[in-house]
């Protein structure tokens, strides 16, 4: 689990990222990023019904994304709010594949130091 300073939990903050953030897409998830200038980067992970109808599968996808984020949080540049939206293909992916895709996406958008 991400530590509290790295969690984006307020609905108004998530909506702000959703409305004004820049979008980056991968086959496994979408990534909305908004520069805030804060001392830490914060993340929210979302998995809707289009991912899978069973909550167990959606929650597993969110846990895997959060764990990959937690593992690499020290190498992520500060000052960004991000919302990661899981997509249906994530259900068939292993943790290693999800982590690899996440690291690639964060590097591509310039969040990895």
N, C-alpha and C. Protein backbone atom coordinates (compact mmCIF):
# COMPACT_ATOMS: atom_id res chain seq x y z
N UNK A 1 0.83 -1.17 0.00
CA UNK A 1 0.00 0.00 0.00
C UNK A 1 0.88 1.25 0.00
N UNK A 2 0.43 2.24 -0.70
CA UNK A 2 1.15 3.51 -0.73
C UNK A 2 1.03 4.21 0.62
N UNK A 3 2.08 4.91 1.02
CA UNK A 3 2.00 5.68 2.25
C UNK A 3 1.04 6.85 2.06
N UNK A 4 0.49 7.33 3.15
CA UNK A 4 -0.55 8.36 3.09
C UNK A 4 -0.17 9.60 2.27
N UNK A 5 1.05 10.13 2.38
CA UNK A 5 1.37 11.32 1.57
C UNK A 5 1.33 11.06 0.06
N UNK A 6 1.45 9.80 -0.36
CA UNK A 6 1.48 9.47 -1.78
C UNK A 6 0.10 9.07 -2.33
N UNK A 7 -0.92 9.11 -1.48
CA UNK A 7 -2.26 8.74 -1.92
C UNK A 7 -3.05 9.98 -2.33
N UNK A 8 -3.70 9.89 -3.45
CA UNK A 8 -4.59 10.95 -3.93
C UNK A 8 -6.01 10.48 -3.60
N UNK A 9 -6.62 11.03 -2.55
CA UNK A 9 -7.90 10.49 -2.08
C UNK A 9 -9.07 11.45 -2.21
N UNK A 10 -8.84 12.74 -2.15
CA UNK A 10 -9.94 13.71 -2.19
C UNK A 10 -10.60 13.71 -3.57
N UNK A 11 -11.91 13.63 -3.58
CA UNK A 11 -12.66 13.62 -4.83
C UNK A 11 -12.38 14.86 -5.67
N UNK A 12 -12.29 16.01 -5.02
CA UNK A 12 -12.05 17.25 -5.77
C UNK A 12 -10.67 17.23 -6.44
N UNK A 13 -9.67 16.63 -5.78
CA UNK A 13 -8.34 16.54 -6.39
C UNK A 13 -8.34 15.58 -7.57
N UNK A 14 -9.04 14.46 -7.43
CA UNK A 14 -9.13 13.49 -8.53
C UNK A 14 -9.85 14.11 -9.72
N UNK A 15 -10.93 14.84 -9.46
CA UNK A 15 -11.67 15.51 -10.54
C UNK A 15 -10.81 16.57 -11.23
N UNK A 16 -9.99 17.27 -10.46
CA UNK A 16 -9.10 18.29 -11.04
C UNK A 16 -8.10 17.63 -11.98
N UNK A 17 -7.53 16.50 -11.57
CA UNK A 17 -6.59 15.77 -12.43
C UNK A 17 -7.33 15.28 -13.67
N UNK A 18 -8.53 14.78 -13.47
CA UNK A 18 -9.30 14.23 -14.59
C UNK A 18 -9.65 15.31 -15.62
N UNK A 19 -9.93 16.52 -15.16
CA UNK A 19 -10.32 17.59 -16.08
C UNK A 19 -9.13 18.29 -16.73
N UNK A 20 -8.06 18.52 -15.97
CA UNK A 20 -6.96 19.34 -16.47
C UNK A 20 -5.68 18.57 -16.76
N UNK A 21 -5.65 17.27 -16.45
CA UNK A 21 -4.43 16.49 -16.62
C UNK A 21 -4.18 16.06 -18.05
N UNK A 22 -2.95 15.67 -18.32
CA UNK A 22 -2.56 15.13 -19.62
C UNK A 22 -2.71 13.62 -19.59
N UNK A 23 -3.18 13.05 -20.70
CA UNK A 23 -3.50 11.62 -20.75
C UNK A 23 -2.42 10.86 -21.50
N UNK A 24 -2.05 9.71 -20.94
CA UNK A 24 -1.13 8.78 -21.60
C UNK A 24 -1.76 7.40 -21.51
N UNK A 25 -1.73 6.66 -22.61
CA UNK A 25 -2.44 5.39 -22.67
C UNK A 25 -1.50 4.22 -22.93
N UNK A 26 -1.76 3.10 -22.27
CA UNK A 26 -1.11 1.83 -22.56
C UNK A 26 -2.23 0.81 -22.74
N UNK A 27 -1.92 -0.37 -23.26
CA UNK A 27 -2.97 -1.39 -23.40
C UNK A 27 -3.55 -1.84 -22.06
N UNK A 28 -2.79 -1.70 -20.98
CA UNK A 28 -3.20 -2.22 -19.67
C UNK A 28 -3.90 -1.16 -18.82
N UNK A 29 -3.51 0.11 -18.93
CA UNK A 29 -4.13 1.17 -18.15
C UNK A 29 -3.94 2.52 -18.81
N UNK A 30 -4.74 3.48 -18.38
CA UNK A 30 -4.60 4.87 -18.80
C UNK A 30 -4.01 5.66 -17.64
N UNK A 31 -3.29 6.72 -17.96
CA UNK A 31 -2.59 7.50 -16.94
C UNK A 31 -2.88 8.98 -17.18
N UNK A 32 -3.54 9.65 -16.23
CA UNK A 32 -3.79 11.10 -16.28
C UNK A 32 -2.83 11.75 -15.31
N UNK A 33 -2.09 12.77 -15.76
CA UNK A 33 -1.06 13.41 -14.95
C UNK A 33 -1.27 14.91 -14.94
N UNK A 34 -1.15 15.50 -13.74
CA UNK A 34 -1.26 16.95 -13.58
C UNK A 34 -0.10 17.42 -12.71
N UNK A 35 0.66 18.39 -13.22
CA UNK A 35 1.78 18.95 -12.44
C UNK A 35 1.19 19.87 -11.36
N UNK A 36 1.64 19.67 -10.11
CA UNK A 36 1.12 20.47 -9.00
C UNK A 36 2.21 21.27 -8.30
N UNK A 37 3.44 20.83 -8.38
CA UNK A 37 4.52 21.50 -7.67
C UNK A 37 4.59 21.14 -6.20
N UNK A 38 3.83 20.15 -5.77
CA UNK A 38 3.84 19.70 -4.37
C UNK A 38 5.16 18.97 -4.07
N UNK A 39 5.50 18.82 -2.79
CA UNK A 39 6.76 18.15 -2.45
C UNK A 39 6.77 16.65 -2.73
N UNK A 40 5.60 16.03 -2.92
CA UNK A 40 5.53 14.60 -3.25
C UNK A 40 4.55 14.40 -4.40
N UNK A 41 4.68 13.28 -5.09
CA UNK A 41 3.71 12.91 -6.12
C UNK A 41 2.65 12.03 -5.47
N UNK A 42 1.39 12.23 -5.90
CA UNK A 42 0.28 11.46 -5.34
C UNK A 42 -0.41 10.68 -6.45
N UNK A 43 -0.94 9.49 -6.09
CA UNK A 43 -1.56 8.61 -7.07
C UNK A 43 -2.90 8.09 -6.58
N UNK A 44 -3.84 7.93 -7.52
CA UNK A 44 -5.11 7.26 -7.28
C UNK A 44 -5.21 6.16 -8.33
N UNK A 45 -5.73 5.01 -7.94
CA UNK A 45 -5.89 3.88 -8.87
C UNK A 45 -7.38 3.56 -8.94
N UNK A 46 -7.90 3.49 -10.17
CA UNK A 46 -9.32 3.27 -10.41
C UNK A 46 -9.49 2.06 -11.31
N UNK A 47 -10.46 1.20 -10.98
CA UNK A 47 -10.80 0.06 -11.84
C UNK A 47 -12.32 -0.06 -11.87
N UNK A 48 -12.91 0.31 -12.99
CA UNK A 48 -14.36 0.29 -13.13
C UNK A 48 -14.90 -1.06 -13.58
N UNK A 49 -16.20 -1.11 -13.79
CA UNK A 49 -16.85 -2.36 -14.20
C UNK A 49 -16.38 -2.86 -15.56
N UNK A 50 -15.85 -1.98 -16.41
CA UNK A 50 -15.37 -2.43 -17.71
C UNK A 50 -14.12 -3.30 -17.58
N UNK A 51 -13.43 -3.24 -16.44
CA UNK A 51 -12.26 -4.09 -16.22
C UNK A 51 -12.72 -5.53 -16.04
N UNK A 52 -13.66 -5.75 -15.14
CA UNK A 52 -14.24 -7.08 -14.91
C UNK A 52 -15.47 -6.88 -14.05
N UNK A 53 -16.46 -7.74 -14.22
CA UNK A 53 -17.69 -7.56 -13.45
C UNK A 53 -17.52 -7.98 -11.99
N UNK A 54 -16.51 -8.80 -11.70
CA UNK A 54 -16.28 -9.27 -10.33
C UNK A 54 -15.35 -8.32 -9.58
N UNK A 55 -15.78 -7.89 -8.42
CA UNK A 55 -15.00 -6.96 -7.60
C UNK A 55 -13.65 -7.56 -7.21
N UNK A 56 -13.60 -8.86 -7.02
CA UNK A 56 -12.34 -9.52 -6.63
C UNK A 56 -11.27 -9.28 -7.70
N UNK A 57 -11.64 -9.39 -8.95
CA UNK A 57 -10.68 -9.18 -10.05
C UNK A 57 -10.27 -7.72 -10.15
N UNK A 58 -11.24 -6.82 -9.99
CA UNK A 58 -10.91 -5.39 -10.03
C UNK A 58 -9.98 -5.00 -8.89
N UNK A 59 -10.25 -5.51 -7.70
CA UNK A 59 -9.41 -5.18 -6.55
C UNK A 59 -8.01 -5.76 -6.70
N UNK A 60 -7.88 -6.95 -7.28
CA UNK A 60 -6.57 -7.54 -7.53
C UNK A 60 -5.76 -6.66 -8.48
N UNK A 61 -6.41 -6.17 -9.52
CA UNK A 61 -5.74 -5.28 -10.48
C UNK A 61 -5.25 -4.01 -9.78
N UNK A 62 -6.09 -3.42 -8.94
CA UNK A 62 -5.69 -2.20 -8.23
C UNK A 62 -4.55 -2.47 -7.26
N UNK A 63 -4.60 -3.59 -6.55
CA UNK A 63 -3.52 -3.93 -5.61
C UNK A 63 -2.20 -4.12 -6.33
N UNK A 64 -2.23 -4.75 -7.50
CA UNK A 64 -1.00 -4.97 -8.26
C UNK A 64 -0.41 -3.65 -8.75
N UNK A 65 -1.24 -2.75 -9.21
CA UNK A 65 -0.76 -1.43 -9.66
C UNK A 65 -0.17 -0.67 -8.47
N UNK A 66 -0.89 -0.67 -7.34
CA UNK A 66 -0.40 0.05 -6.16
C UNK A 66 0.93 -0.51 -5.66
N UNK A 67 1.09 -1.83 -5.70
CA UNK A 67 2.34 -2.44 -5.25
C UNK A 67 3.49 -2.05 -6.18
N UNK A 68 3.25 -2.04 -7.47
CA UNK A 68 4.29 -1.62 -8.42
C UNK A 68 4.66 -0.15 -8.18
N UNK A 69 3.68 0.69 -7.89
CA UNK A 69 3.96 2.09 -7.56
C UNK A 69 4.78 2.20 -6.28
N UNK A 70 4.37 1.45 -5.25
CA UNK A 70 5.07 1.50 -3.97
C UNK A 70 6.53 1.10 -4.12
N UNK A 71 6.76 0.10 -4.94
CA UNK A 71 8.12 -0.41 -5.14
C UNK A 71 9.02 0.64 -5.80
N UNK A 72 8.47 1.49 -6.64
CA UNK A 72 9.26 2.47 -7.40
C UNK A 72 9.02 3.91 -6.96
N UNK A 73 8.34 4.12 -5.84
CA UNK A 73 7.94 5.47 -5.44
C UNK A 73 9.14 6.38 -5.19
N UNK A 74 10.25 5.85 -4.74
CA UNK A 74 11.42 6.68 -4.44
C UNK A 74 12.08 7.22 -5.70
N UNK A 75 11.83 6.60 -6.85
CA UNK A 75 12.44 7.08 -8.10
C UNK A 75 11.45 7.89 -8.95
N UNK A 76 10.31 8.24 -8.39
CA UNK A 76 9.32 9.04 -9.10
C UNK A 76 9.51 10.51 -8.72
N UNK A 77 9.53 11.37 -9.72
CA UNK A 77 9.74 12.81 -9.50
C UNK A 77 8.60 13.39 -8.66
N UNK A 78 8.92 14.32 -7.75
CA UNK A 78 7.87 14.94 -6.93
C UNK A 78 7.11 16.01 -7.72
N UNK A 79 5.92 16.35 -7.22
CA UNK A 79 5.17 17.46 -7.79
C UNK A 79 4.13 17.11 -8.82
N UNK A 80 3.64 15.87 -8.81
CA UNK A 80 2.61 15.46 -9.77
C UNK A 80 1.47 14.75 -9.05
N UNK A 81 0.24 14.95 -9.54
CA UNK A 81 -0.91 14.16 -9.13
C UNK A 81 -1.29 13.31 -10.33
N UNK A 82 -1.55 12.02 -10.09
CA UNK A 82 -1.84 11.10 -11.19
C UNK A 82 -3.01 10.20 -10.84
N UNK A 83 -3.83 9.91 -11.85
CA UNK A 83 -4.91 8.94 -11.72
C UNK A 83 -4.64 7.84 -12.73
N UNK A 84 -4.54 6.61 -12.24
CA UNK A 84 -4.29 5.45 -13.10
C UNK A 84 -5.60 4.69 -13.22
N UNK A 85 -6.08 4.51 -14.45
CA UNK A 85 -7.33 3.82 -14.71
C UNK A 85 -7.04 2.48 -15.37
N UNK A 86 -7.38 1.39 -14.68
CA UNK A 86 -7.14 0.05 -15.21
C UNK A 86 -8.07 -0.22 -16.38
N UNK A 87 -7.59 -1.05 -17.30
CA UNK A 87 -8.39 -1.47 -18.46
C UNK A 87 -8.57 -2.98 -18.41
N UNK A 88 -9.50 -3.49 -19.21
CA UNK A 88 -9.86 -4.91 -19.18
C UNK A 88 -8.68 -5.86 -19.39
N UNK A 89 -7.70 -5.59 -20.27
CA UNK A 89 -6.61 -6.56 -20.46
C UNK A 89 -5.75 -6.78 -19.21
N UNK A 90 -5.87 -5.95 -18.20
CA UNK A 90 -5.05 -6.10 -17.00
C UNK A 90 -5.38 -7.39 -16.24
N UNK A 91 -6.61 -7.89 -16.40
CA UNK A 91 -7.04 -9.08 -15.67
C UNK A 91 -6.18 -10.29 -16.04
N UNK A 92 -5.75 -10.40 -17.28
CA UNK A 92 -4.95 -11.54 -17.71
C UNK A 92 -3.45 -11.36 -17.54
N UNK A 93 -3.01 -10.24 -16.99
CA UNK A 93 -1.58 -9.95 -16.88
C UNK A 93 -1.04 -10.36 -15.51
N UNK A 94 0.21 -10.77 -15.49
CA UNK A 94 0.88 -11.08 -14.22
C UNK A 94 1.37 -9.79 -13.58
N UNK A 95 1.78 -9.89 -12.32
CA UNK A 95 2.32 -8.72 -11.63
C UNK A 95 3.55 -8.19 -12.35
N UNK A 96 4.42 -9.08 -12.80
CA UNK A 96 5.66 -8.67 -13.48
C UNK A 96 5.35 -7.87 -14.74
N UNK A 97 4.34 -8.30 -15.50
CA UNK A 97 3.97 -7.58 -16.72
C UNK A 97 3.38 -6.20 -16.39
N UNK A 98 2.57 -6.14 -15.35
CA UNK A 98 1.99 -4.86 -14.94
C UNK A 98 3.07 -3.91 -14.47
N UNK A 99 4.00 -4.41 -13.67
CA UNK A 99 5.10 -3.58 -13.18
C UNK A 99 5.96 -3.06 -14.32
N UNK A 100 6.27 -3.93 -15.27
CA UNK A 100 7.09 -3.53 -16.42
C UNK A 100 6.39 -2.43 -17.23
N UNK A 101 5.09 -2.60 -17.47
CA UNK A 101 4.32 -1.60 -18.22
C UNK A 101 4.25 -0.28 -17.46
N UNK A 102 4.06 -0.35 -16.15
CA UNK A 102 3.98 0.87 -15.34
C UNK A 102 5.30 1.63 -15.36
N UNK A 103 6.40 0.92 -15.19
CA UNK A 103 7.72 1.58 -15.20
C UNK A 103 7.97 2.21 -16.56
N UNK A 104 7.63 1.50 -17.64
CA UNK A 104 7.81 2.03 -18.99
C UNK A 104 6.97 3.30 -19.18
N UNK A 105 5.70 3.26 -18.72
CA UNK A 105 4.81 4.42 -18.89
C UNK A 105 5.30 5.62 -18.07
N UNK A 106 5.72 5.38 -16.84
CA UNK A 106 6.22 6.48 -16.01
C UNK A 106 7.49 7.09 -16.60
N UNK A 107 8.34 6.24 -17.18
CA UNK A 107 9.55 6.73 -17.83
C UNK A 107 9.19 7.55 -19.07
N UNK A 108 8.22 7.06 -19.83
CA UNK A 108 7.81 7.71 -21.07
C UNK A 108 7.24 9.11 -20.82
N UNK A 109 6.49 9.28 -19.73
CA UNK A 109 5.90 10.60 -19.44
C UNK A 109 6.83 11.49 -18.63
N UNK A 110 7.98 10.96 -18.24
CA UNK A 110 8.98 11.76 -17.55
C UNK A 110 8.84 11.84 -16.05
N UNK A 111 8.14 10.88 -15.45
CA UNK A 111 7.98 10.88 -14.00
C UNK A 111 9.11 10.15 -13.27
N UNK A 112 9.80 9.25 -13.95
CA UNK A 112 10.90 8.54 -13.30
C UNK A 112 12.16 9.38 -13.35
N UNK A 113 12.84 9.45 -12.24
CA UNK A 113 14.08 10.24 -12.16
C UNK A 113 15.22 9.44 -12.76
